[in-house]
């Protein structure tokens, strides 16, 4: 499961790096992409939709309302937990 979490985390980091409006950012698993304003609200929604599509999962509004989901690693863990076993 750790490998899956790492893969999802890297996907999220790359998404943020590709879609942020900030210059010279450093994104890691501990980055809070909301508090650090790495993504605007549209880009955040787009990232969630991209994750759902990429990994064939569905994140509920209740899950997304959890403030922990604003941290890259926590979001990666949640996504990884929903991926069907291969």
Protein backbone atom coordinates (compact mmCIF):
# COMPACT_ATOMS: atom_id res chain seq x y z
CA UNK A 1 0.00 0.00 0.00
CA UNK A 2 2.91 2.33 0.71
CA UNK A 3 3.99 2.22 -2.94
CA UNK A 4 0.48 3.22 -4.01
CA UNK A 5 0.41 6.09 -1.53
CA UNK A 6 3.80 7.26 -2.78
CA UNK A 7 2.63 7.11 -6.39
CA UNK A 8 -0.55 9.06 -5.64
CA UNK A 9 1.40 11.58 -3.57
CA UNK A 10 3.81 12.15 -6.45
CA UNK A 11 0.87 12.57 -8.82
CA UNK A 12 -0.63 15.23 -6.52
CA UNK A 13 2.70 17.04 -6.11
CA UNK A 14 3.22 17.15 -9.87
CA UNK A 15 -0.34 18.35 -10.39
CA UNK A 16 0.16 21.18 -7.92
CA UNK A 17 3.52 22.14 -9.42
CA UNK A 18 1.98 22.21 -12.89
CA UNK A 19 -1.11 24.18 -11.87
CA UNK A 20 0.00 26.64 -9.21
CA UNK A 21 0.19 30.35 -9.82
CA UNK A 22 3.07 30.66 -7.36
CA UNK A 23 6.69 30.87 -8.48
CA UNK A 24 9.55 28.87 -6.99
CA UNK A 25 7.40 26.66 -4.82
CA UNK A 26 8.44 23.59 -2.93
CA UNK A 27 5.68 21.01 -2.64
CA UNK A 28 6.02 17.97 -0.40
CA UNK A 29 3.81 15.46 1.31
CA UNK A 30 3.38 17.83 4.23
CA UNK A 31 2.28 20.76 2.06
CA UNK A 32 -1.15 22.17 2.84
CA UNK A 33 -2.16 23.28 -0.63
CA UNK A 34 -5.10 25.34 0.67
CA UNK A 35 -3.41 27.21 3.52
CA UNK A 36 -0.27 27.77 1.45
CA UNK A 37 -2.47 29.03 -1.40
CA UNK A 38 -0.75 26.75 -3.89
CA UNK A 39 -4.00 26.21 -5.79
CA UNK A 40 -7.01 28.44 -6.17
CA UNK A 41 -10.48 26.99 -5.62
CA UNK A 42 -10.97 26.11 -9.29
CA UNK A 43 -7.59 24.36 -9.51
CA UNK A 44 -8.33 22.47 -6.28
CA UNK A 45 -11.66 21.24 -7.65
CA UNK A 46 -9.98 20.34 -10.91
CA UNK A 47 -7.32 18.36 -9.03
CA UNK A 48 -9.99 16.41 -7.14
CA UNK A 49 -11.81 15.63 -10.38
CA UNK A 50 -8.53 14.59 -12.00
CA UNK A 51 -7.73 12.27 -9.08
CA UNK A 52 -11.20 10.73 -9.28
CA UNK A 53 -10.81 10.15 -13.00
CA UNK A 54 -7.19 8.97 -12.90
CA UNK A 55 -7.76 6.45 -10.12
CA UNK A 56 -11.43 5.56 -10.83
CA UNK A 57 -12.57 6.59 -7.36
CA UNK A 58 -15.15 8.92 -5.84
CA UNK A 59 -14.42 11.25 -2.94
CA UNK A 60 -17.49 12.25 -0.96
CA UNK A 61 -18.22 15.82 0.10
CA UNK A 62 -17.83 14.71 3.74
CA UNK A 63 -14.36 13.33 3.02
CA UNK A 64 -13.35 16.49 1.20
CA UNK A 65 -14.66 18.69 4.03
CA UNK A 66 -12.11 17.14 6.39
CA UNK A 67 -9.33 19.70 6.86
CA UNK A 68 -6.75 16.89 6.77
CA UNK A 69 -7.53 16.46 3.07
CA UNK A 70 -5.81 19.79 2.43
CA UNK A 71 -2.45 18.13 3.10
CA UNK A 72 -0.88 16.31 0.17
CA UNK A 73 0.03 13.12 2.05
CA UNK A 74 -3.36 12.78 3.76
CA UNK A 75 -5.15 13.23 0.45
CA UNK A 76 -2.85 10.65 -1.14
CA UNK A 77 -3.63 8.19 1.66
CA UNK A 78 -7.37 8.69 1.19
CA UNK A 79 -7.14 8.21 -2.58
CA UNK A 80 -4.94 5.12 -2.16
CA UNK A 81 -7.40 3.63 0.32
CA UNK A 82 -10.15 3.85 -2.30
CA UNK A 83 -8.25 2.32 -5.19
CA UNK A 84 -9.56 -1.15 -5.94
CA UNK A 85 -6.98 -3.89 -5.44
CA UNK A 86 -5.33 -4.79 -8.71
